[in-house]
Amino acid sequence: MTAVTGAKVLKRFPAGSPRGSWPAEEYAARRRAEGEPATVVMDLESDAFLVVVTHRDAD
């Protein structure tokens, strides 16, 4: 299991939507087109798809 830590949630989409994760994927694609490294993850506790941006520290 992978945990997303240090991530900023840009937007939430209900998993029960008739289109499933599509709205979240479309939103993330628009953010990526603008240069933001957005990713879609599933939050099982809230039953929602989250569009997040992770910030990695320089090692």
PDB file of N, CA and C in Angstrom:
ATOM      1  N   MET A   1       0.849  -1.178   0.000  1.00  0.00           N
ATOM      2  CA  MET A   1       0.000   0.000   0.000  1.00  0.00           C
ATOM      3  C   MET A   1       0.889   1.234   0.000  1.00  0.00           C
ATOM      4  N   THR A   2       0.506   2.246  -0.770  1.00  0.00           N
ATOM      5  CA  THR A   2       1.253   3.483  -0.853  1.00  0.00           C
ATOM      6  C   THR A   2       0.424   4.604  -0.260  1.00  0.00           C
ATOM      7  N   ALA A   3       1.028   5.382   0.609  1.00  0.00           N
ATOM      8  CA  ALA A   3       0.353   6.527   1.197  1.00  0.00           C
ATOM      9  C   ALA A   3       0.864   7.792   0.532  1.00  0.00           C
ATOM     10  N   VAL A   4      -0.030   8.729   0.295  1.00  0.00           N
ATOM     11  CA  VAL A   4       0.363  10.006  -0.274  1.00  0.00           C
ATOM     12  C   VAL A   4       0.497  10.984   0.877  1.00  0.00           C
ATOM     13  N   THR A   5       1.729  11.387   1.148  1.00  0.00           N
ATOM     14  CA  THR A   5       1.959  12.352   2.210  1.00  0.00           C
ATOM     15  C   THR A   5       2.506  13.632   1.604  1.00  0.00           C
ATOM     16  N   GLY A   6       2.247  14.727   2.248  1.00  0.00           N
ATOM     17  CA  GLY A   6       2.700  16.002   1.736  1.00  0.00           C
ATOM     18  C   GLY A   6       2.002  16.397   0.452  1.00  0.00           C
ATOM     19  N   ALA A   7       0.798  15.907   0.249  1.00  0.00           N
ATOM     20  CA  ALA A   7       0.058  16.206  -0.980  1.00  0.00           C
ATOM     21  C   ALA A   7      -0.971  17.293  -0.714  1.00  0.00           C
ATOM     22  N   LYS A   8      -1.162  18.129  -1.720  1.00  0.00           N
ATOM     23  CA  LYS A   8      -2.183  19.169  -1.655  1.00  0.00           C
ATOM     24  C   LYS A   8      -3.377  18.694  -2.487  1.00  0.00           C
ATOM     25  N   VAL A   9      -4.547  18.645  -1.886  1.00  0.00           N
ATOM     26  CA  VAL A   9      -5.759  18.243  -2.603  1.00  0.00           C
ATOM     27  C   VAL A   9      -6.291  19.453  -3.350  1.00  0.00           C
ATOM     28  N   LEU A  10      -6.372  19.316  -4.675  1.00  0.00           N
ATOM     29  CA  LEU A  10      -6.885  20.400  -5.504  1.00  0.00           C
ATOM     30  C   LEU A  10      -8.403  20.366  -5.603  1.00  0.00           C
ATOM     31  N   LYS A  11      -8.958  19.148  -5.711  1.00  0.00           N
ATOM     32  CA  LYS A  11     -10.411  19.012  -5.859  1.00  0.00           C
ATOM     33  C   LYS A  11     -10.834  17.593  -5.532  1.00  0.00           C
ATOM     34  N   ARG A  12     -12.080  17.443  -5.052  1.00  0.00           N
ATOM     35  CA  ARG A  12     -12.657  16.133  -4.726  1.00  0.00           C
ATOM     36  C   ARG A  12     -13.831  15.855  -5.657  1.00  0.00           C
ATOM     37  N   PHE A  13     -13.948  14.581  -6.037  1.00  0.00           N
ATOM     38  CA  PHE A  13     -15.060  14.147  -6.888  1.00  0.00           C
ATOM     39  C   PHE A  13     -15.673  12.910  -6.250  1.00  0.00           C
ATOM     40  N   PRO A  14     -17.003  12.866  -6.074  1.00  0.00           N
ATOM     41  CA  PRO A  14     -17.630  11.701  -5.460  1.00  0.00           C
ATOM     42  C   PRO A  14     -17.447  10.447  -6.318  1.00  0.00           C
ATOM     43  N   ALA A  15     -17.109   9.350  -5.676  1.00  0.00           N
ATOM     44  CA  ALA A  15     -16.897   8.091  -6.397  1.00  0.00           C
ATOM     45  C   ALA A  15     -18.203   7.532  -6.931  1.00  0.00           C
ATOM     46  N   GLY A  16     -19.315   7.924  -6.353  1.00  0.00           N
ATOM     47  CA  GLY A  16     -20.612   7.422  -6.785  1.00  0.00           C
ATOM     48  C   GLY A  16     -21.150   8.110  -8.030  1.00  0.00           C
ATOM     49  N   SER A  17     -20.368   8.984  -8.614  1.00  0.00           N
ATOM     50  CA  SER A  17     -20.799   9.684  -9.820  1.00  0.00           C
ATOM     51  C   SER A  17     -21.065   8.691 -10.945  1.00  0.00           C
ATOM     52  N   PRO A  18     -22.065   8.943 -11.785  1.00  0.00           N
ATOM     53  CA  PRO A  18     -22.338   8.031 -12.894  1.00  0.00           C
ATOM     54  C   PRO A  18     -21.153   7.854 -13.836  1.00  0.00           C
ATOM     55  N   ARG A  19     -20.277   8.823 -13.908  1.00  0.00           N
ATOM     56  CA  ARG A  19     -19.124   8.743 -14.792  1.00  0.00           C
ATOM     57  C   ARG A  19     -17.884   8.227 -14.071  1.00  0.00           C
ATOM     58  N   GLY A  20     -18.012   7.847 -12.820  1.00  0.00           N
ATOM     59  CA  GLY A  20     -16.870   7.301 -12.076  1.00  0.00           C
ATOM     60  C   GLY A  20     -15.748   8.304 -11.921  1.00  0.00           C
ATOM     61  N   SER A  21     -14.529   7.895 -12.255  1.00  0.00           N
ATOM     62  CA  SER A  21     -13.361   8.746 -12.059  1.00  0.00           C
ATOM     63  C   SER A  21     -13.119   9.704 -13.222  1.00  0.00           C
ATOM     64  N   TRP A  22     -13.913   9.637 -14.277  1.00  0.00           N
ATOM     65  CA  TRP A  22     -13.664  10.479 -15.454  1.00  0.00           C
ATOM     66  C   TRP A  22     -13.569  11.966 -15.144  1.00  0.00           C
ATOM     67  N   PRO A  23     -14.496  12.552 -14.373  1.00  0.00           N
ATOM     68  CA  PRO A  23     -14.368  13.986 -14.096  1.00  0.00           C
ATOM     69  C   PRO A  23     -13.046  14.320 -13.386  1.00  0.00           C
ATOM     70  N   ALA A  24     -12.626  13.462 -12.480  1.00  0.00           N
ATOM     71  CA  ALA A  24     -11.359  13.694 -11.778  1.00  0.00           C
ATOM     72  C   ALA A  24     -10.188  13.584 -12.746  1.00  0.00           C
ATOM     73  N   GLU A  25     -10.223  12.581 -13.618  1.00  0.00           N
ATOM     74  CA  GLU A  25      -9.145  12.405 -14.598  1.00  0.00           C
ATOM     75  C   GLU A  25      -9.089  13.581 -15.570  1.00  0.00           C
ATOM     76  N   GLU A  26     -10.246  14.063 -15.994  1.00  0.00           N
ATOM     77  CA  GLU A  26     -10.287  15.203 -16.905  1.00  0.00           C
ATOM     78  C   GLU A  26      -9.746  16.468 -16.233  1.00  0.00           C
ATOM     79  N   TYR A  27     -10.116  16.680 -14.980  1.00  0.00           N
ATOM     80  CA  TYR A  27      -9.626  17.840 -14.230  1.00  0.00           C
ATOM     81  C   TYR A  27      -8.110  17.752 -14.061  1.00  0.00           C
ATOM     82  N   ALA A  28      -7.609  16.578 -13.703  1.00  0.00           N
ATOM     83  CA  ALA A  28      -6.168  16.389 -13.534  1.00  0.00           C
ATOM     84  C   ALA A  28      -5.429  16.619 -14.849  1.00  0.00           C
ATOM     85  N   ALA A  29      -6.001  16.175 -15.956  1.00  0.00           N
ATOM     86  CA  ALA A  29      -5.374  16.378 -17.270  1.00  0.00           C
ATOM     87  C   ALA A  29      -5.265  17.866 -17.599  1.00  0.00           C
ATOM     88  N   ARG A  30      -6.299  18.625 -17.255  1.00  0.00           N
ATOM     89  CA  ARG A  30      -6.236  20.075 -17.487  1.00  0.00           C
ATOM     90  C   ARG A  30      -5.144  20.718 -16.637  1.00  0.00           C
ATOM     91  N   ARG A  31      -5.016  20.264 -15.379  1.00  0.00           N
ATOM     92  CA  ARG A  31      -3.958  20.807 -14.511  1.00  0.00           C
ATOM     93  C   ARG A  31      -2.576  20.449 -15.064  1.00  0.00           C
ATOM     94  N   ARG A  32      -2.413  19.203 -15.550  1.00  0.00           N
ATOM     95  CA  ARG A  32      -1.131  18.786 -16.122  1.00  0.00           C
ATOM     96  C   ARG A  32      -0.798  19.598 -17.366  1.00  0.00           C
ATOM     97  N   ALA A  33      -1.809  19.914 -18.173  1.00  0.00           N
ATOM     98  CA  ALA A  33      -1.595  20.727 -19.373  1.00  0.00           C
ATOM     99  C   ALA A  33      -1.103  22.123 -19.008  1.00  0.00           C
ATOM    100  N   GLU A  34      -1.442  22.576 -17.804  1.00  0.00           N
ATOM    101  CA  GLU A  34      -0.987  23.880 -17.312  1.00  0.00           C
ATOM    102  C   GLU A  34       0.352  23.776 -16.586  1.00  0.00           C
ATOM    103  N   GLY A  35       0.942  22.568 -16.554  1.00  0.00           N
ATOM    104  CA  GLY A  35       2.255  22.399 -15.943  1.00  0.00           C
ATOM    105  C   GLY A  35       2.248  21.954 -14.494  1.00  0.00           C
ATOM    106  N   GLU A  36       1.081  21.660 -13.953  1.00  0.00           N
ATOM    107  CA  GLU A  36       0.981  21.207 -12.563  1.00  0.00           C
ATOM    108  C   GLU A  36       0.944  19.680 -12.552  1.00  0.00           C
ATOM    109  N   PRO A  37       1.818  19.028 -11.771  1.00  0.00           N
ATOM    110  CA  PRO A  37       1.884  17.556 -11.784  1.00  0.00           C
ATOM    111  C   PRO A  37       0.740  16.897 -11.001  1.00  0.00           C
ATOM    112  N   ALA A  38      -0.474  17.022 -11.502  1.00  0.00           N
ATOM    113  CA  ALA A  38      -1.658  16.514 -10.807  1.00  0.00           C
ATOM    114  C   ALA A  38      -1.842  15.017 -11.045  1.00  0.00           C
ATOM    115  N   THR A  39      -2.311  14.348  -9.998  1.00  0.00           N
ATOM    116  CA  THR A  39      -2.567  12.915 -10.030  1.00  0.00           C
ATOM    117  C   THR A  39      -3.917  12.643  -9.386  1.00  0.00           C
ATOM    118  N   VAL A  40      -4.592  11.592  -9.829  1.00  0.00           N
ATOM    119  CA  VAL A  40      -5.869  11.184  -9.233  1.00  0.00           C
ATOM    120  C   VAL A  40      -5.615  10.008  -8.306  1.00  0.00           C
ATOM    121  N   VAL A  41      -6.126  10.112  -7.088  1.00  0.00           N
ATOM    122  CA  VAL A  41      -6.041   9.014  -6.128  1.00  0.00           C
ATOM    123  C   VAL A  41      -7.440   8.764  -5.568  1.00  0.00           C
ATOM    124  N   MET A  42      -7.641   7.568  -5.051  1.00  0.00           N
ATOM    125  CA  MET A  42      -8.931   7.205  -4.456  1.00  0.00           C
ATOM    126  C   MET A  42      -8.803   7.283  -2.949  1.00  0.00           C
ATOM    127  N   ASP A  43      -9.704   8.013  -2.319  1.00  0.00           N
ATOM    128  CA  ASP A  43      -9.771   8.066  -0.860  1.00  0.00           C
ATOM    129  C   ASP A  43     -10.909   7.140  -0.444  1.00  0.00           C
ATOM    130  N   LEU A  44     -10.545   5.957   0.038  1.00  0.00           N
ATOM    131  CA  LEU A  44     -11.559   4.961   0.395  1.00  0.00           C
ATOM    132  C   LEU A  44     -12.417   5.398   1.567  1.00  0.00           C
ATOM    133  N   GLU A  45     -11.832   6.110   2.519  1.00  0.00           N
ATOM    134  CA  GLU A  45     -12.591   6.526   3.706  1.00  0.00           C
ATOM    135  C   GLU A  45     -13.725   7.477   3.358  1.00  0.00           C
ATOM    136  N   SER A  46     -13.470   8.406   2.430  1.00  0.00           N
ATOM    137  CA  SER A  46     -14.516   9.368   2.067  1.00  0.00           C
ATOM    138  C   SER A  46     -15.241   8.972   0.779  1.00  0.00           C
ATOM    139  N   ASP A  47     -14.842   7.850   0.158  1.00  0.00           N
ATOM    140  CA  ASP A  47     -15.437   7.358  -1.080  1.00  0.00           C
ATOM    141  C   ASP A  47     -15.431   8.449  -2.142  1.00  0.00           C
ATOM    142  N   ALA A  48     -14.220   8.994  -2.375  1.00  0.00           N
ATOM    143  CA  ALA A  48     -14.076  10.070  -3.344  1.00  0.00           C
ATOM    144  C   ALA A  48     -12.759   9.932  -4.098  1.00  0.00           C
ATOM    145  N   PHE A  49     -12.762  10.461  -5.318  1.00  0.00           N
ATOM    146  CA  PHE A  49     -11.521  10.575  -6.079  1.00  0.00           C
ATOM    147  C   PHE A  49     -10.947  11.952  -5.778  1.00  0.00           C
ATOM    148  N   LEU A  50      -9.670  11.998  -5.475  1.00  0.00           N
ATOM    149  CA  LEU A  50      -9.011  13.255  -5.158  1.00  0.00           C
ATOM    150  C   LEU A  50      -8.002  13.570  -6.244  1.00  0.00           C
ATOM    151  N   VAL A  51      -7.970  14.818  -6.661  1.00  0.00           N
ATOM    152  CA  VAL A  51      -6.921  15.286  -7.562  1.00  0.00           C
ATOM    153  C   VAL A  51      -5.903  15.973  -6.657  1.00  0.00           C
ATOM    154  N   VAL A  52      -4.690  15.428  -6.656  1.00  0.00           N
ATOM    155  CA  VAL A  52      -3.657  15.933  -5.753  1.00  0.00           C
ATOM    156  C   VAL A  52      -2.397  16.311  -6.505  1.00  0.00           C
ATOM    157  N   VAL A  53      -1.620  17.173  -5.847  1.00  0.00           N
ATOM    158  CA  VAL A  53      -0.284  17.521  -6.314  1.00  0.00           C
ATOM    159  C   VAL A  53       0.649  17.187  -5.167  1.00  0.00           C
ATOM    160  N   THR A  54       1.629  16.345  -5.430  1.00  0.00           N
ATOM    161  CA  THR A  54       2.596  16.022  -4.391  1.00  0.00           C
ATOM    162  C   THR A  54       3.797  16.920  -4.532  1.00  0.00           C
ATOM    163  N   HIS A  55       4.323  17.344  -3.408  1.00  0.00           N
ATOM    164  CA  HIS A  55       5.500  18.198  -3.388  1.00  0.00           C
ATOM    165  C   HIS A  55       6.646  17.384  -2.823  1.00  0.00           C
ATOM    166  N   ARG A  56       7.645  17.148  -3.641  1.00  0.00           N
ATOM    167  CA  ARG A  56       8.797  16.371  -3.209  1.00  0.00           C
ATOM    168  C   ARG A  56       9.893  17.320  -2.747  1.00  0.00           C
ATOM    169  N   ASP A  57      10.486  16.984  -1.608  1.00  0.00           N
ATOM    170  CA  ASP A  57      11.617  17.760  -1.110  1.00  0.00           C
ATOM    171  C   ASP A  57      12.862  17.390  -1.892  1.00  0.00           C
ATOM    172  N   ALA A  58      13.715  18.361  -2.134  1.00  0.00           N
ATOM    173  CA  ALA A  58      14.988  18.075  -2.806  1.00  0.00           C
ATOM    174  C   ALA A  58      15.891  17.319  -1.852  1.00  0.00           C
ATOM    175  N   ASP A  59      16.446  16.224  -2.325  1.00  0.00           N
ATOM    176  CA  ASP A  59      17.338  15.411  -1.464  1.00  0.00           C
ATOM    177  C   ASP A  59      18.758  15.886  -1.571  1.00  0.00           C
TER     178      ASP A  59
END
